[in-house]
N, C-alpha and C. Protein backbone atom coordinates (compact mmCIF):
# COMPACT_ATOMS: atom_id res chain seq x y z
N UNK A 1 28.38 -45.70 176.02
CA UNK A 1 28.82 -45.53 177.65
C UNK A 1 29.44 -43.96 177.37
N UNK A 2 29.77 -43.25 178.54
CA UNK A 2 30.94 -42.61 177.91
C UNK A 2 32.18 -42.10 179.10
N UNK A 3 32.76 -41.39 179.15
CA UNK A 3 34.04 -41.24 179.96
C UNK A 3 33.99 -41.73 181.29
N UNK A 4 34.32 -42.82 181.88
CA UNK A 4 34.37 -42.14 183.99
C UNK A 4 35.16 -42.24 184.69
N UNK A 5 36.08 -41.50 185.66
CA UNK A 5 36.88 -41.97 186.28
C UNK A 5 37.24 -41.32 187.55
N UNK A 6 38.50 -42.35 188.19
CA UNK A 6 38.75 -40.98 189.48
C UNK A 6 40.14 -41.59 189.80
N UNK A 7 40.46 -40.24 190.56
CA UNK A 7 42.20 -40.45 190.60
C UNK A 7 42.42 -39.69 191.67
N UNK A 8 43.53 -40.70 192.42
CA UNK A 8 44.70 -39.86 193.53
C UNK A 8 45.01 -39.63 193.01
N UNK A 9 45.73 -37.95 193.66
CA UNK A 9 47.26 -37.79 193.48
C UNK A 9 48.28 -36.63 194.54
N UNK A 10 48.95 -37.19 195.26
CA UNK A 10 50.18 -36.63 196.08
C UNK A 10 50.97 -36.36 195.34
N UNK A 11 51.80 -36.18 195.66
CA UNK A 11 53.19 -36.14 194.99
C UNK A 11 54.62 -37.34 195.01
N UNK A 12 53.78 -38.47 195.90
CA UNK A 12 54.80 -39.40 195.24
C UNK A 12 53.80 -40.75 195.07
N UNK A 13 52.25 -40.63 194.88
CA UNK A 13 51.76 -41.55 194.59
C UNK A 13 50.59 -40.90 193.64
N UNK A 14 50.09 -41.68 193.14
CA UNK A 14 49.56 -42.04 191.70
C UNK A 14 48.32 -42.81 191.59
N UNK A 15 47.15 -42.83 191.47
CA UNK A 15 45.38 -43.84 191.46
C UNK A 15 45.03 -43.23 190.75
N UNK A 16 44.97 -43.53 189.18
CA UNK A 16 43.76 -43.28 188.57
C UNK A 16 43.13 -44.51 187.70
N UNK A 17 41.89 -44.19 187.66
CA UNK A 17 41.27 -45.79 187.41
C UNK A 17 40.16 -44.91 186.26
N UNK A 18 40.38 -45.67 185.59
CA UNK A 18 39.24 -44.57 184.14
C UNK A 18 38.64 -45.55 183.50
N UNK A 19 37.46 -45.76 182.73
CA UNK A 19 36.43 -46.18 182.02
C UNK A 19 36.24 -45.36 180.71
N UNK A 20 35.73 -45.81 179.24
CA UNK A 20 35.84 -45.31 178.21
C UNK A 20 34.62 -46.35 177.52
N UNK A 21 33.78 -46.21 177.72
CA UNK A 21 33.74 -47.51 176.91
C UNK A 21 33.20 -48.18 177.81
N UNK A 22 33.60 -49.48 177.03
CA UNK A 22 33.87 -50.87 177.66
C UNK A 22 34.75 -51.32 177.78
N UNK A 23 36.08 -50.07 178.05
CA UNK A 23 37.46 -49.97 178.66
C UNK A 23 37.93 -49.70 180.23
N UNK A 24 38.31 -50.59 181.08
CA UNK A 24 38.84 -49.97 182.13
C UNK A 24 40.09 -50.02 181.90
N UNK A 25 40.76 -49.54 183.11
CA UNK A 25 41.94 -49.06 183.22
C UNK A 25 42.45 -48.74 184.63
N UNK A 26 43.14 -48.95 185.29
CA UNK A 26 43.87 -48.82 187.02
C UNK A 26 44.62 -48.78 186.31
N UNK A 27 45.79 -47.99 186.93
CA UNK A 27 47.67 -47.28 186.97
C UNK A 27 47.15 -46.93 188.11
N UNK A 28 48.11 -47.50 189.04
CA UNK A 28 48.46 -47.08 190.22
C UNK A 28 49.83 -46.87 190.64
N UNK A 29 50.68 -45.74 191.27
CA UNK A 29 51.92 -45.73 191.24
C UNK A 29 52.77 -45.21 192.63
N UNK A 30 53.78 -45.48 193.47
CA UNK A 30 54.52 -45.20 194.67
C UNK A 30 55.59 -45.03 193.89
N UNK A 31 56.08 -43.67 194.10
CA UNK A 31 57.42 -43.39 193.40
C UNK A 31 58.38 -42.10 194.48
N UNK A 32 58.97 -43.03 195.30
CA UNK A 32 59.25 -41.56 196.47
C UNK A 32 60.87 -42.05 196.07
N UNK A 33 61.51 -41.50 197.79
CA UNK A 33 62.33 -41.97 197.51
C UNK A 33 63.40 -43.17 197.84
N UNK A 34 63.00 -43.62 198.37
CA UNK A 34 62.47 -45.28 198.88
C UNK A 34 62.79 -46.48 198.01
N UNK A 35 63.88 -46.54 197.23
CA UNK A 35 63.26 -47.41 195.51
C UNK A 35 62.74 -48.58 196.19
N UNK A 36 62.67 -49.46 197.71
CA UNK A 36 62.18 -50.63 197.72
C UNK A 36 61.13 -50.45 198.08
N UNK A 37 60.09 -49.48 198.17
CA UNK A 37 58.89 -49.22 198.52
C UNK A 37 58.10 -48.65 197.12
N UNK A 38 59.15 -48.60 196.66
CA UNK A 38 57.60 -48.49 194.62
C UNK A 38 57.53 -49.51 194.59
N UNK A 39 56.63 -48.57 193.20
CA UNK A 39 56.50 -49.92 192.41
C UNK A 39 54.95 -48.84 191.59
N UNK A 40 55.25 -49.61 190.76
CA UNK A 40 53.93 -49.45 189.35
C UNK A 40 53.24 -50.19 189.10
N UNK A 41 51.67 -50.61 188.99
CA UNK A 41 50.78 -51.15 188.11
C UNK A 41 49.90 -51.15 187.33
N UNK A 42 49.99 -51.77 186.55
CA UNK A 42 48.47 -51.52 185.31
C UNK A 42 47.44 -52.86 185.36
N UNK A 43 46.31 -52.42 185.31
CA UNK A 43 45.38 -53.61 184.62
C UNK A 43 44.62 -53.04 183.59
N UNK A 44 44.24 -53.41 182.89
CA UNK A 44 43.64 -53.35 181.63
C UNK A 44 42.71 -54.73 181.58
N UNK A 45 41.03 -54.30 181.11
CA UNK A 45 39.80 -55.16 181.00
C UNK A 45 39.38 -54.84 179.81
N UNK A 46 38.62 -55.64 179.61
CA UNK A 46 37.05 -55.11 178.63
C UNK A 46 37.79 -54.66 176.96
N UNK A 47 36.96 -54.27 176.65
CA UNK A 47 36.78 -53.90 174.96
C UNK A 47 35.40 -54.27 174.51
N UNK A 48 35.97 -53.68 173.37
CA UNK A 48 34.56 -53.79 172.69
C UNK A 48 34.31 -54.53 171.52
N UNK A 49 35.59 -55.41 171.19
CA UNK A 49 35.71 -56.29 170.19
C UNK A 49 35.12 -57.97 170.90
N UNK A 50 35.71 -58.68 169.40
CA UNK A 50 35.60 -59.98 170.37
C UNK A 50 37.05 -60.26 170.28
N UNK A 51 36.94 -61.82 171.36
CA UNK A 51 38.14 -61.31 171.91
C UNK A 51 39.46 -61.61 171.38
N UNK A 52 39.65 -62.44 169.72
CA UNK A 52 40.89 -62.29 169.41
C UNK A 52 41.57 -60.60 169.46
N UNK A 53 40.06 -59.87 168.77
CA UNK A 53 40.67 -58.68 169.10
C UNK A 53 41.44 -57.77 170.02
N UNK A 54 40.37 -58.19 171.89
CA UNK A 54 41.45 -58.34 172.16
C UNK A 54 42.40 -58.70 172.90
N UNK A 55 43.05 -60.10 172.67
CA UNK A 55 43.97 -60.39 172.96
C UNK A 55 45.06 -59.97 171.31
N UNK A 56 44.80 -59.76 170.96
CA UNK A 56 46.27 -59.34 169.87
C UNK A 56 46.45 -57.74 171.10
N UNK A 57 45.41 -56.82 171.46
CA UNK A 57 45.33 -55.66 172.11
C UNK A 57 46.69 -56.43 173.27
N UNK A 58 45.81 -57.08 174.15
CA UNK A 58 46.45 -57.49 175.04
C UNK A 58 48.53 -57.90 174.78
N UNK A 59 48.52 -58.56 173.41
CA UNK A 59 49.37 -59.21 173.22
C UNK A 59 50.62 -58.16 172.84
N UNK A 60 49.57 -56.89 172.34
CA UNK A 60 51.10 -55.61 171.85
C UNK A 60 51.32 -54.95 172.96
N UNK A 61 50.83 -54.46 173.95
CA UNK A 61 50.92 -54.21 175.15
C UNK A 61 51.79 -54.71 176.29
N UNK A 62 51.51 -55.66 176.40
CA UNK A 62 52.48 -57.41 177.24
C UNK A 62 53.65 -57.19 176.35
N UNK A 63 53.95 -57.02 175.49
CA UNK A 63 55.31 -57.11 174.58
C UNK A 63 56.18 -55.68 174.62
N UNK A 64 55.09 -54.73 174.76
CA UNK A 64 56.16 -53.29 174.85
C UNK A 64 56.43 -53.29 176.69
N UNK A 65 55.85 -53.55 177.35
CA UNK A 65 55.56 -53.05 178.83
C UNK A 65 57.22 -53.94 179.45
N UNK A 66 56.60 -55.09 178.78
CA UNK A 66 57.82 -56.16 178.75
C UNK A 66 59.90 -55.83 178.31
N UNK A 67 59.56 -54.73 177.22
CA UNK A 67 60.61 -54.42 176.83
C UNK A 67 61.01 -53.66 177.51
N UNK A 68 59.54 -52.79 178.57
CA UNK A 68 60.96 -51.79 179.42
C UNK A 68 60.76 -52.96 181.40
N UNK A 69 60.96 -53.50 181.08
CA UNK A 69 61.10 -54.75 182.43
C UNK A 69 59.79 -54.82 183.29
N UNK A 70 58.84 -54.60 182.46
CA UNK A 70 58.02 -55.09 183.36
C UNK A 70 57.44 -56.21 183.46
N UNK A 71 57.01 -56.73 184.28
CA UNK A 71 56.12 -58.41 184.57
C UNK A 71 55.29 -58.14 183.97
N UNK A 72 54.83 -58.61 183.20
CA UNK A 72 53.09 -58.51 182.42
C UNK A 72 52.40 -60.19 182.93
N UNK A 73 51.46 -60.45 182.48
CA UNK A 73 50.56 -61.73 183.19
C UNK A 73 49.11 -61.55 182.25
N UNK A 74 49.18 -62.15 181.59
CA UNK A 74 47.65 -61.89 180.87
C UNK A 74 46.52 -63.01 180.56
N UNK A 75 45.53 -62.53 181.50
CA UNK A 75 44.84 -63.95 182.08
C UNK A 75 43.08 -63.57 180.60
N UNK A 76 43.11 -63.91 179.86
CA UNK A 76 41.53 -64.14 179.08
C UNK A 76 41.66 -62.33 178.66
N UNK A 77 40.99 -61.65 179.15
CA UNK A 77 40.58 -60.06 178.64
C UNK A 77 41.59 -59.32 179.39
N UNK A 78 42.13 -59.57 180.23
CA UNK A 78 42.49 -58.82 181.09
C UNK A 78 44.17 -59.08 181.37
N UNK A 79 44.93 -57.43 181.76
CA UNK A 79 46.43 -57.78 181.19
C UNK A 79 46.69 -56.72 182.74
N UNK A 80 47.95 -57.93 183.38
CA UNK A 80 47.73 -57.10 184.32
C UNK A 80 49.66 -57.05 184.55
N UNK A 81 50.04 -55.55 184.92
CA UNK A 81 51.84 -55.89 184.71
C UNK A 81 51.76 -54.44 185.71
N UNK A 82 53.18 -54.70 186.52
CA UNK A 82 53.89 -54.10 187.67
C UNK A 82 55.23 -54.36 187.63
N UNK A 83 56.36 -53.28 188.21
CA UNK A 83 57.02 -52.90 188.10
C UNK A 83 57.10 -52.51 189.96
N UNK A 84 58.92 -52.90 190.32
CA UNK A 84 58.95 -52.55 191.79
C UNK A 84 59.97 -53.01 193.06
N UNK A 85 60.71 -51.92 193.02
CA UNK A 85 62.16 -51.68 193.21
C UNK A 85 62.77 -50.92 192.81
N UNK A 86 62.05 -49.73 192.58
CA UNK A 86 63.04 -48.96 191.66
C UNK A 86 63.43 -47.77 192.00
N UNK A 87 64.38 -47.24 191.79
CA UNK A 87 64.63 -46.17 192.00
C UNK A 87 63.78 -44.91 191.54
N UNK A 88 63.27 -43.48 191.75
CA UNK A 88 62.11 -42.93 191.31
C UNK A 88 62.13 -42.37 190.18
N UNK A 89 63.05 -42.07 189.41
CA UNK A 89 63.41 -41.43 187.96
C UNK A 89 62.97 -42.59 187.14
N UNK A 90 63.41 -43.79 187.53
CA UNK A 90 63.09 -44.88 186.49
C UNK A 90 61.53 -44.99 186.69
N UNK A 91 61.19 -45.25 187.58
CA UNK A 91 60.02 -45.55 187.50
C UNK A 91 59.22 -44.64 187.42
N UNK A 92 59.09 -43.03 187.39
CA UNK A 92 58.22 -41.98 186.87
C UNK A 92 58.41 -41.99 184.99
N UNK A 93 60.00 -42.63 184.67
CA UNK A 93 59.85 -42.62 182.78
C UNK A 93 58.84 -43.55 182.28
N UNK A 94 59.09 -44.84 183.91
CA UNK A 94 57.78 -46.11 182.74
C UNK A 94 56.54 -45.13 183.33
N UNK A 95 56.56 -44.41 184.17
CA UNK A 95 54.85 -43.71 184.10
C UNK A 95 54.25 -43.38 183.24
N UNK A 96 55.18 -42.69 183.02
CA UNK A 96 54.95 -42.09 181.08
C UNK A 96 54.32 -43.09 180.32
N UNK A 97 55.75 -44.37 180.12
CA UNK A 97 54.82 -45.16 179.08
C UNK A 97 53.10 -45.89 179.71
N UNK A 98 53.15 -46.20 180.64
CA UNK A 98 51.91 -46.80 180.89
C UNK A 98 50.37 -45.19 180.72
N UNK A 99 50.85 -43.95 180.75
CA UNK A 99 50.27 -43.41 180.75
C UNK A 99 49.74 -42.47 179.55
N UNK A 100 50.98 -43.11 178.42
CA UNK A 100 50.57 -43.15 177.17
C UNK A 100 49.68 -43.99 176.42
N UNK A 101 50.40 -45.45 176.82
CA UNK A 101 49.31 -46.76 176.54
C UNK A 101 47.93 -46.33 176.61
N UNK A 102 47.36 -45.66 178.46
CA UNK A 102 46.18 -46.14 178.28
C UNK A 102 45.30 -45.38 177.47
N UNK A 103 45.96 -44.09 177.02
CA UNK A 103 45.65 -43.13 176.19
C UNK A 103 45.42 -43.64 174.39
N UNK A 104 46.36 -44.11 174.41
CA UNK A 104 47.15 -44.57 172.64
C UNK A 104 46.13 -46.19 172.25
N UNK A 105 45.93 -46.84 173.13
CA UNK A 105 45.46 -48.40 172.87
C UNK A 105 43.87 -48.59 173.46
N UNK A 106 43.06 -47.99 174.09
CA UNK A 106 41.75 -48.45 174.19
C UNK A 106 41.23 -48.90 173.43
N UNK A 107 41.37 -47.96 171.70
CA UNK A 107 39.92 -48.70 171.10
C UNK A 107 41.09 -49.95 169.87
N UNK A 108 42.36 -49.86 170.40
CA UNK A 108 43.59 -51.23 169.65
C UNK A 108 42.49 -52.37 169.30
N UNK A 109 41.82 -53.19 170.23
CA UNK A 109 41.53 -54.20 169.68
C UNK A 109 39.77 -54.20 169.29
N UNK A 110 39.86 -52.82 168.57
CA UNK A 110 38.07 -53.05 167.54
C UNK A 110 38.70 -53.28 166.38
N UNK A 111 39.91 -52.61 165.86
CA UNK A 111 40.38 -52.65 164.77
C UNK A 111 41.81 -53.32 163.89
N UNK A 112 42.13 -54.23 165.02
CA UNK A 112 42.96 -55.36 164.99
C UNK A 112 42.37 -56.44 164.83
N UNK A 113 42.37 -57.29 163.37
CA UNK A 113 41.86 -58.70 162.73
C UNK A 113 43.18 -59.11 162.87
N UNK A 114 44.62 -59.34 162.86
CA UNK A 114 45.12 -60.19 162.39
C UNK A 114 46.63 -59.76 163.23
N UNK A 115 47.52 -60.91 163.50
CA UNK A 115 49.28 -60.44 163.23
C UNK A 115 49.74 -59.01 163.07
N UNK A 116 49.67 -59.56 161.45
CA UNK A 116 50.17 -58.62 160.63
C UNK A 116 49.53 -56.91 161.17
N UNK A 117 48.63 -56.56 161.57
CA UNK A 117 48.21 -54.79 161.75
C UNK A 117 48.30 -55.36 163.09
N UNK A 118 49.09 -56.40 164.35
CA UNK A 118 48.95 -56.26 165.68
C UNK A 118 50.30 -55.33 165.59
N UNK A 119 50.88 -55.82 164.39
CA UNK A 119 52.63 -56.12 164.46
C UNK A 119 53.05 -54.36 163.46
N UNK A 120 52.21 -54.07 162.64
CA UNK A 120 52.47 -52.50 162.42
C UNK A 120 52.37 -51.53 163.75
N UNK A 121 50.96 -51.70 164.50
CA UNK A 121 50.33 -50.97 164.92
C UNK A 121 51.73 -51.14 166.59
N UNK A 122 52.72 -52.44 166.98
CA UNK A 122 53.52 -52.51 167.62
C UNK A 122 54.87 -51.55 167.65
N UNK A 123 54.54 -51.57 166.14
CA UNK A 123 56.59 -50.41 165.61
C UNK A 123 55.99 -49.25 165.86
N UNK A 124 54.87 -48.77 165.53
CA UNK A 124 54.59 -47.04 165.53
C UNK A 124 54.70 -47.28 166.90
N UNK A 125 54.13 -48.00 167.88
CA UNK A 125 54.01 -47.85 169.30
C UNK A 125 55.20 -48.17 170.17
N UNK A 126 55.87 -48.77 169.57
CA UNK A 126 57.32 -48.63 170.01
C UNK A 126 57.86 -47.35 169.79
N UNK A 127 57.79 -47.49 168.70
CA UNK A 127 59.02 -45.80 168.56
C UNK A 127 58.60 -45.12 169.76
N UNK A 128 57.22 -44.48 169.58
CA UNK A 128 56.19 -43.93 170.50
C UNK A 128 56.86 -43.36 171.89
N UNK A 129 56.81 -45.39 172.44
CA UNK A 129 57.39 -45.25 173.86
C UNK A 129 58.53 -45.53 174.38
N UNK A 130 59.66 -46.10 172.98
CA UNK A 130 60.91 -45.53 173.46
C UNK A 130 60.95 -44.25 173.42
N UNK A 131 61.34 -42.72 172.85
CA UNK A 131 61.54 -41.90 172.18
C UNK A 131 60.57 -41.39 173.93
N UNK A 132 59.53 -41.49 174.72
CA UNK A 132 59.42 -41.31 176.21
C UNK A 132 60.62 -41.80 176.75
N UNK A 133 61.22 -43.01 176.98
CA UNK A 133 61.75 -43.36 177.48
C UNK A 133 63.11 -42.62 177.76
N UNK A 134 63.76 -42.23 176.43
CA UNK A 134 65.45 -41.24 175.99
C UNK A 134 64.44 -39.85 176.11
N UNK A 135 63.39 -39.53 176.81
CA UNK A 135 63.01 -38.33 176.41
C UNK A 135 63.61 -37.91 178.17
């Protein structure tokens, strides 16, 4: 399976749906001048690994997002995360996190076999993500 996706991007709105092999993700964001209307949503589903590998990847991503105030729900092989009602600059910094994680976590389910490996990847990604927030 190849790479496929669609995107809609305007000045304040972004909707990106992508597929790489068996990995599906959707990122949607509205980041305008009115904080009460602003939101970020992430959905990640699928993967080529067994349920244990997908579960480890989901927990890793969920823990990283919760560190940056996302509300996260993991349901079987799907991860749902959202952040709402924040100022534009704050949301844009969190949107960078979603972009980074969407790119760098797709195949992690295939190589993560245990909690120790998950933790090692978590620490590397945590440093990278924290750097994005501080940038």
